[in-house]
């Protein structure tokens, strides 16, 4: 089978910040004497996606020019569409002088990377919350979390020595380059990616299979295992369900499961754009966007932070620029007499109502 010609990475090149060979040995020897800071779980997830190209074309945590334009216009300083800030905050008392090197370490003091400190700038949590997430309500998980961040943002060239250590599902953890290689081997130029942070149910299975058939290509089931919404089902449980489904109910010739170490922002429509960029970097040129995609739920007044179809609308607006075509999540209804699923819009209203009541009477949840 001929290798597939996948869509190029966002920006044209897959970023790789990993240091190898003699340079790595020299840096390891020097790193022990450098000033260092411990970074958070979110920072580690972001660092991994920077290092392996998941956030291409980003090569660093954002400097001031990128940060401010992203907040105001969803664009990097050079004009590239990028919906959300990717920053590293710190306590200014722990930092060396600008121009010097700084070691980035995990909470366990494991060495991850060395940064040449180029920029230190102040940021405002309320301003970021209002611009990036459209709310300053502390019921939004990111708005609440930002209150605990450092007072300044730091940026500079990164040399990544070690990725975070994982001991679970090691054979399902792949870099964007590795995912691309596997997708190329499947032989389909078209690839549709499915984002999830929840256990899959039967309608998800039907939807993803239909999506792959619609694009006449491969499917990557790409669950987030970094940080999701507080209270979500743990990723250990979720991944076991994904694995059982992909192993037993999907066509292995055109389906793959890979875990994504993303720290979600729960930013609704803007997060959908970020997810599309990440999936393009992994080789997908189609992306399933669901109802209330990456939504954090309701605000303090009981109203949803984002509209149910805001993410689909923003994807339609920017899909040509992103190079990733949206596959919308259509509401499906199961017809028990015919043992098949159909789109809700194709079911007469009175029949749909009867099916909905039947579901309720049997104790099942609603269709969404």
Protein backbone atom coordinates (compact mmCIF):
# COMPACT_ATOMS: atom_id res chain seq x y z
CA UNK A 1 0.00 0.00 0.00
CA UNK A 2 1.31 3.46 -0.93
CA UNK A 3 2.02 5.87 1.90
CA UNK A 4 -0.60 8.53 2.51
CA UNK A 5 0.17 12.17 1.74
CA UNK A 6 -1.02 13.83 4.94
CA UNK A 7 -1.73 17.51 5.40
CA UNK A 8 1.47 19.43 6.34
CA UNK A 9 1.79 20.59 9.97
CA UNK A 10 0.32 23.97 10.87
CA UNK A 11 2.87 26.55 9.75
CA UNK A 12 4.48 24.04 7.38
CA UNK A 13 6.97 22.37 9.72
CA UNK A 14 6.66 20.11 12.76
CA UNK A 15 8.57 21.78 15.61
CA UNK A 16 11.05 19.58 17.51
CA UNK A 17 12.72 21.05 20.61
CA UNK A 18 14.28 17.80 21.86
CA UNK A 19 18.06 17.92 22.35
CA UNK A 20 20.08 14.80 21.60
CA UNK A 21 23.62 13.43 21.47
CA UNK A 22 26.62 15.46 22.59
CA UNK A 23 24.60 18.68 23.01
CA UNK A 24 22.28 16.86 25.43
CA UNK A 25 25.19 15.44 27.45
CA UNK A 26 26.81 18.86 27.77
CA UNK A 27 23.53 20.47 28.77
CA UNK A 28 22.83 17.77 31.36
CA UNK A 29 26.25 18.35 32.90
CA UNK A 30 25.64 22.10 33.08
CA UNK A 31 21.99 22.02 34.16
CA UNK A 32 22.74 20.93 37.73
CA UNK A 33 24.45 24.27 38.41
CA UNK A 34 21.72 26.44 36.89
CA UNK A 35 19.00 28.23 38.83
CA UNK A 36 15.75 26.30 38.48
CA UNK A 37 12.01 26.58 38.97
CA UNK A 38 9.37 23.89 39.42
CA UNK A 39 6.60 23.99 36.84
CA UNK A 40 2.99 22.89 37.21
CA UNK A 41 1.17 19.95 35.64
CA UNK A 42 -0.37 22.35 33.10
CA UNK A 43 3.06 23.75 32.24
CA UNK A 44 4.43 20.22 31.79
CA UNK A 45 1.63 19.31 29.38
CA UNK A 46 2.24 22.52 27.43
CA UNK A 47 6.01 21.93 27.41
CA UNK A 48 5.53 18.43 25.99
CA UNK A 49 3.32 19.70 23.15
CA UNK A 50 5.78 22.50 22.43
CA UNK A 51 8.70 20.05 22.42
CA UNK A 52 7.10 17.49 20.09
CA UNK A 53 5.36 19.91 17.73
CA UNK A 54 1.78 19.53 18.93
CA UNK A 55 1.58 23.33 19.22
CA UNK A 56 3.44 24.05 15.95
CA UNK A 57 4.32 26.70 14.88
CA UNK A 58 5.00 27.73 18.50
CA UNK A 59 8.61 27.15 19.56
CA UNK A 60 8.45 28.78 23.00
CA UNK A 61 6.01 29.77 25.70
CA UNK A 62 4.53 32.99 24.37
CA UNK A 63 6.42 36.25 24.66
CA UNK A 64 4.66 39.55 25.24
CA UNK A 65 4.01 40.43 21.58
CA UNK A 66 2.43 37.04 20.81
CA UNK A 67 0.55 36.97 24.11
CA UNK A 68 -1.07 40.39 23.74
CA UNK A 69 -2.11 39.90 20.12
CA UNK A 70 -3.51 36.43 20.84
CA UNK A 71 -5.66 37.89 23.62
CA UNK A 72 -7.01 40.71 21.45
CA UNK A 73 -7.14 39.15 17.97
CA UNK A 74 -6.51 35.37 18.30
CA UNK A 75 -3.34 35.84 16.24
CA UNK A 76 0.39 35.55 16.86
CA UNK A 77 2.53 38.63 16.31
CA UNK A 78 3.22 37.47 12.72
CA UNK A 79 -0.51 37.21 11.98
CA UNK A 80 -0.87 33.41 12.27
CA UNK A 81 -4.25 32.37 13.68
CA UNK A 82 -3.79 31.00 17.20
CA UNK A 83 -6.79 31.17 19.54
CA UNK A 84 -5.46 30.92 23.11
CA UNK A 85 -2.38 31.95 25.12
CA UNK A 86 0.24 29.32 25.95
CA UNK A 87 2.28 30.85 28.76
CA UNK A 88 4.63 29.96 31.60
CA UNK A 89 4.23 32.03 34.75
CA UNK A 90 6.73 32.33 37.59
CA UNK A 91 7.64 34.15 40.79
CA UNK A 92 10.05 36.95 39.78
CA UNK A 93 12.10 36.31 42.95
CA UNK A 94 13.10 32.87 41.62
CA UNK A 95 14.35 34.08 38.25
CA UNK A 96 17.90 34.81 37.06
CA UNK A 97 18.81 37.88 34.98
CA UNK A 98 17.40 38.15 31.47
CA UNK A 99 19.85 36.50 29.08
CA UNK A 100 20.85 33.78 31.52
CA UNK A 101 19.78 30.12 31.52
CA UNK A 102 17.11 28.61 33.73
CA UNK A 103 16.32 24.94 34.35
CA UNK A 104 12.67 23.87 34.25
CA UNK A 105 11.86 20.99 36.60
CA UNK A 106 8.83 18.91 37.55
CA UNK A 107 7.24 18.90 41.00
CA UNK A 108 9.54 15.93 41.78
CA UNK A 109 12.55 18.01 40.70
CA UNK A 110 13.08 15.95 37.51
CA UNK A 111 14.95 17.98 34.92
CA UNK A 112 12.81 18.71 31.86
CA UNK A 113 14.32 21.59 29.92
CA UNK A 114 16.67 24.56 29.90
CA UNK A 115 15.33 27.98 28.92
CA UNK A 116 17.41 30.97 27.91
CA UNK A 117 15.45 33.70 29.65
CA UNK A 118 14.61 36.31 26.99
CA UNK A 119 11.50 37.99 28.37
CA UNK A 120 9.84 38.63 31.71
CA UNK A 121 6.57 40.53 31.61
CA UNK A 122 3.65 41.21 33.94
CA UNK A 123 0.19 39.91 33.12
CA UNK A 124 -3.28 40.47 34.55
CA UNK A 125 -5.47 37.46 35.37
CA UNK A 126 -8.73 39.40 34.95
CA UNK A 127 -7.69 40.80 31.57
CA UNK A 128 -6.67 37.34 30.33
CA UNK A 129 -9.87 35.77 31.66
CA UNK A 130 -12.07 38.37 29.98
CA UNK A 131 -10.30 38.25 26.62
CA UNK A 132 -9.37 34.56 26.35
CA UNK A 133 -12.35 32.95 28.07
CA UNK A 134 -15.00 35.62 27.79
CA UNK A 135 -15.68 35.60 31.53
CA UNK A 136 -14.17 36.57 34.88
CA UNK A 137 -16.54 34.23 36.75
CA UNK A 138 -14.56 31.97 39.10
CA UNK A 139 -16.90 29.07 38.29
CA UNK A 140 -14.94 28.78 35.05
CA UNK A 141 -12.14 26.32 35.94
CA UNK A 142 -9.43 28.32 34.13
CA UNK A 143 -10.48 31.61 35.71
CA UNK A 144 -10.28 29.97 39.12
CA UNK A 145 -6.94 28.29 38.40
CA UNK A 146 -5.27 31.47 37.11
CA UNK A 147 -5.56 33.06 40.54
CA UNK A 148 -2.81 30.68 41.72
CA UNK A 149 -0.36 31.40 38.90
CA UNK A 150 2.91 33.35 39.15
CA UNK A 151 3.00 37.12 38.87
CA UNK A 152 5.04 37.27 35.67
CA UNK A 153 5.15 35.39 32.36
CA UNK A 154 8.52 34.21 31.10
CA UNK A 155 9.67 33.27 27.62
CA UNK A 156 12.81 32.24 25.81
CA UNK A 157 14.43 29.59 23.65
CA UNK A 158 13.83 26.07 24.96
CA UNK A 159 16.09 23.04 24.86
CA UNK A 160 14.09 20.06 26.06
CA UNK A 161 16.12 17.26 27.65
CA UNK A 162 13.40 14.97 28.99
CA UNK A 163 9.69 14.62 28.41
CA UNK A 164 7.47 13.95 31.47
CA UNK A 165 7.68 10.35 32.68
CA UNK A 166 4.64 8.11 32.25
CA UNK A 167 4.12 4.58 33.50
CA UNK A 168 0.60 4.00 32.17
CA UNK A 169 -0.48 3.07 28.64
CA UNK A 170 3.05 3.67 27.36
CA UNK A 171 2.32 1.93 24.06
CA UNK A 172 -0.55 4.37 23.36
CA UNK A 173 1.48 7.54 23.93
CA UNK A 174 2.79 8.83 20.61
CA UNK A 175 4.39 12.09 19.47
CA UNK A 176 2.86 13.93 16.50
CA UNK A 177 5.68 12.58 14.29
CA UNK A 178 4.93 9.00 15.39
CA UNK A 179 1.18 9.44 14.82
CA UNK A 180 1.90 10.81 11.35
CA UNK A 181 4.07 7.81 10.52
CA UNK A 182 1.32 5.39 11.57
CA UNK A 183 -1.36 7.30 9.66
CA UNK A 184 0.84 7.39 6.55
CA UNK A 185 1.07 3.61 6.77
CA UNK A 186 -2.74 3.34 6.69
CA UNK A 187 -2.62 4.81 3.19
CA UNK A 188 -5.44 7.41 3.43
CA UNK A 189 -4.71 11.06 2.64
CA UNK A 190 -7.84 12.09 4.57
CA UNK A 191 -7.81 11.68 8.35
CA UNK A 192 -10.59 12.60 10.79
CA UNK A 193 -9.73 13.17 14.45
CA UNK A 194 -12.12 12.67 17.34
CA UNK A 195 -11.53 14.66 20.54
CA UNK A 196 -12.83 13.29 23.83
CA UNK A 197 -12.43 13.74 27.58
CA UNK A 198 -15.39 11.50 28.49
CA UNK A 199 -16.21 7.80 28.22
CA UNK A 200 -17.59 6.95 24.78
CA UNK A 201 -21.17 5.79 24.35
CA UNK A 202 -22.80 3.97 21.47
CA UNK A 203 -23.71 7.13 19.57
CA UNK A 204 -20.06 8.27 19.66
CA UNK A 205 -19.09 4.96 18.08
CA UNK A 206 -21.68 5.40 15.33
CA UNK A 207 -20.69 9.02 14.76
CA UNK A 208 -16.95 8.33 14.46
CA UNK A 209 -17.48 5.44 12.05
CA UNK A 210 -19.75 7.62 9.92
CA UNK A 211 -17.15 10.42 9.98
CA UNK A 212 -14.41 8.09 8.70
CA UNK A 213 -16.72 6.80 5.98
CA UNK A 214 -17.76 10.33 5.02
CA UNK A 215 -14.16 11.51 4.46
CA UNK A 216 -13.17 8.14 2.95
CA UNK A 217 -10.17 8.06 5.25
CA UNK A 218 -8.61 7.06 8.55
CA UNK A 219 -9.90 7.78 12.05
CA UNK A 220 -7.78 8.77 15.02
CA UNK A 221 -9.50 8.48 18.39
CA UNK A 222 -7.48 11.07 20.28
CA UNK A 223 -8.52 11.39 23.96
CA UNK A 224 -7.09 14.02 26.29
CA UNK A 225 -5.16 12.49 29.20
CA UNK A 226 -3.44 15.63 30.50
CA UNK A 227 -5.79 17.93 32.39
CA UNK A 228 -9.54 18.03 31.79
CA UNK A 229 -12.49 19.47 33.67
CA UNK A 230 -12.39 18.93 37.47
CA UNK A 231 -14.72 16.05 38.29
CA UNK A 232 -14.28 14.23 34.96
CA UNK A 233 -13.87 10.45 34.91
CA UNK A 234 -10.18 9.63 35.45
CA UNK A 235 -8.17 8.87 32.34
CA UNK A 236 -7.17 5.36 33.54
CA UNK A 237 -10.80 4.26 33.41
CA UNK A 238 -11.54 6.13 30.19
CA UNK A 239 -8.57 4.76 28.27
CA UNK A 240 -9.53 1.18 29.13
CA UNK A 241 -12.94 1.80 27.57
CA UNK A 242 -11.43 3.44 24.47
CA UNK A 243 -9.02 0.56 24.07
CA UNK A 244 -11.80 -2.06 24.38
CA UNK A 245 -13.86 -0.25 21.76
CA UNK A 246 -11.05 0.28 19.24
CA UNK A 247 -9.73 -3.26 19.68
CA UNK A 248 -13.11 -4.95 19.29
CA UNK A 249 -15.54 -2.74 17.39
CA UNK A 250 -13.55 -0.67 14.87
CA UNK A 251 -11.76 -1.57 11.65
CA UNK A 252 -8.08 -1.68 12.66
CA UNK A 253 -6.98 -1.05 9.09
CA UNK A 254 -8.17 2.55 9.27
CA UNK A 255 -8.53 3.33 13.00
CA UNK A 256 -5.91 4.19 15.61
CA UNK A 257 -6.03 5.19 19.27
CA UNK A 258 -3.44 7.62 20.62
CA UNK A 259 -3.36 9.57 23.88
CA UNK A 260 -2.95 13.35 23.93
CA UNK A 261 -1.13 14.97 26.89
CA UNK A 262 -3.06 18.22 26.57
CA UNK A 263 -4.03 20.48 29.45
CA UNK A 264 -7.49 21.64 28.39
CA UNK A 265 -8.58 25.23 28.93
CA UNK A 266 -12.31 24.42 28.76
CA UNK A 267 -12.55 27.46 26.50
CA UNK A 268 -15.44 26.31 24.34
CA UNK A 269 -15.30 27.72 20.79
CA UNK A 270 -11.70 28.98 21.01
CA UNK A 271 -10.61 25.63 22.37
CA UNK A 272 -12.18 23.93 19.33
CA UNK A 273 -9.80 25.95 17.13
CA UNK A 274 -6.83 24.94 19.33
CA UNK A 275 -7.90 21.29 19.13
CA UNK A 276 -8.05 21.55 15.33
CA UNK A 277 -4.52 22.99 15.17
CA UNK A 278 -3.20 20.20 17.40
CA UNK A 279 -4.90 17.53 15.29
CA UNK A 280 -3.53 19.04 12.07
CA UNK A 281 -0.07 18.74 13.56
CA UNK A 282 -0.82 15.05 14.16
CA UNK A 283 -1.84 14.59 10.51
CA UNK A 284 -5.63 15.10 10.55
CA UNK A 285 -7.34 17.32 7.98
CA UNK A 286 -10.86 16.73 9.38
CA UNK A 287 -12.04 17.20 12.94
CA UNK A 288 -15.28 16.24 14.71
CA UNK A 289 -16.77 19.20 16.60
CA UNK A 290 -19.52 18.38 19.05
CA UNK A 291 -22.33 20.20 20.77
CA UNK A 292 -20.91 22.49 23.52
CA UNK A 293 -17.38 21.44 22.51
CA UNK A 294 -14.96 21.85 25.46
CA UNK A 295 -17.63 23.67 27.45
CA UNK A 296 -17.10 24.13 31.20
CA UNK A 297 -20.80 24.01 32.12
CA UNK A 298 -22.78 26.80 33.76
CA UNK A 299 -21.65 30.08 35.27
CA UNK A 300 -22.58 31.44 38.72
CA UNK A 301 -25.99 32.54 37.45
CA UNK A 302 -26.78 29.06 36.10
CA UNK A 303 -26.33 29.99 32.42
CA UNK A 304 -23.91 28.11 30.11
CA UNK A 305 -20.58 29.89 29.57
CA UNK A 306 -20.85 29.23 25.83
CA UNK A 307 -23.70 28.51 23.44
CA UNK A 308 -24.21 24.87 22.37
CA UNK A 309 -23.19 25.51 18.75
CA UNK A 310 -20.68 28.38 19.20
CA UNK A 311 -17.76 26.01 18.56
CA UNK A 312 -19.25 24.76 15.29
CA UNK A 313 -19.87 28.33 14.14
CA UNK A 314 -16.31 29.49 14.84
CA UNK A 315 -14.88 26.39 13.14
CA UNK A 316 -16.92 27.16 10.01
CA UNK A 317 -15.51 30.69 10.08
CA UNK A 318 -11.87 29.62 10.30
CA UNK A 319 -11.69 26.11 8.81
CA UNK A 320 -10.23 27.31 5.49
CA UNK A 321 -7.44 29.22 7.26
CA UNK A 322 -6.74 26.30 9.61
CA UNK A 323 -6.77 23.80 6.76
CA UNK A 324 -8.94 21.51 8.89
CA UNK A 325 -12.50 20.80 7.79
CA UNK A 326 -15.12 20.40 10.48
CA UNK A 327 -17.27 17.30 10.72
CA UNK A 328 -20.20 18.46 12.90
CA UNK A 329 -21.65 16.16 15.55
CA UNK A 330 -25.17 15.49 14.30
CA UNK A 331 -27.77 14.38 16.84
CA UNK A 332 -28.53 10.70 16.19
CA UNK A 333 -31.65 8.76 17.12
CA UNK A 334 -31.85 4.98 17.40
CA UNK A 335 -34.82 3.33 15.66
CA UNK A 336 -35.37 0.10 17.63
CA UNK A 337 -37.73 -1.43 15.07
CA UNK A 338 -35.11 -0.99 12.32
CA UNK A 339 -32.04 -1.49 14.57
CA UNK A 340 -30.21 1.49 13.14
CA UNK A 341 -29.31 5.11 13.86
CA UNK A 342 -30.55 8.07 11.83
CA UNK A 343 -30.01 11.79 12.19
CA UNK A 344 -32.63 13.38 14.41
CA UNK A 345 -33.61 15.85 11.67
CA UNK A 346 -34.68 12.90 9.49
CA UNK A 347 -37.18 11.60 12.07
CA UNK A 348 -40.72 13.07 12.01
CA UNK A 349 -41.26 15.19 15.12
CA UNK A 350 -44.06 13.02 16.54
CA UNK A 351 -41.96 9.85 16.14
CA UNK A 352 -38.95 11.50 17.77
CA UNK A 353 -41.09 12.60 20.71
CA UNK A 354 -42.40 9.05 21.17
CA UNK A 355 -38.85 7.63 21.04
CA UNK A 356 -37.70 10.22 23.59
CA UNK A 357 -40.51 9.34 26.00
CA UNK A 358 -39.74 5.63 25.52
CA UNK A 359 -36.11 6.28 26.45
CA UNK A 360 -37.14 8.18 29.55
CA UNK A 361 -39.58 5.46 30.62
CA UNK A 362 -36.86 2.84 30.26
CA UNK A 363 -34.56 4.87 32.49
CA UNK A 364 -32.04 5.91 29.86
CA UNK A 365 -30.55 9.38 29.66
CA UNK A 366 -31.56 11.83 26.94
CA UNK A 367 -29.93 11.65 23.54
CA UNK A 368 -27.16 14.19 24.22
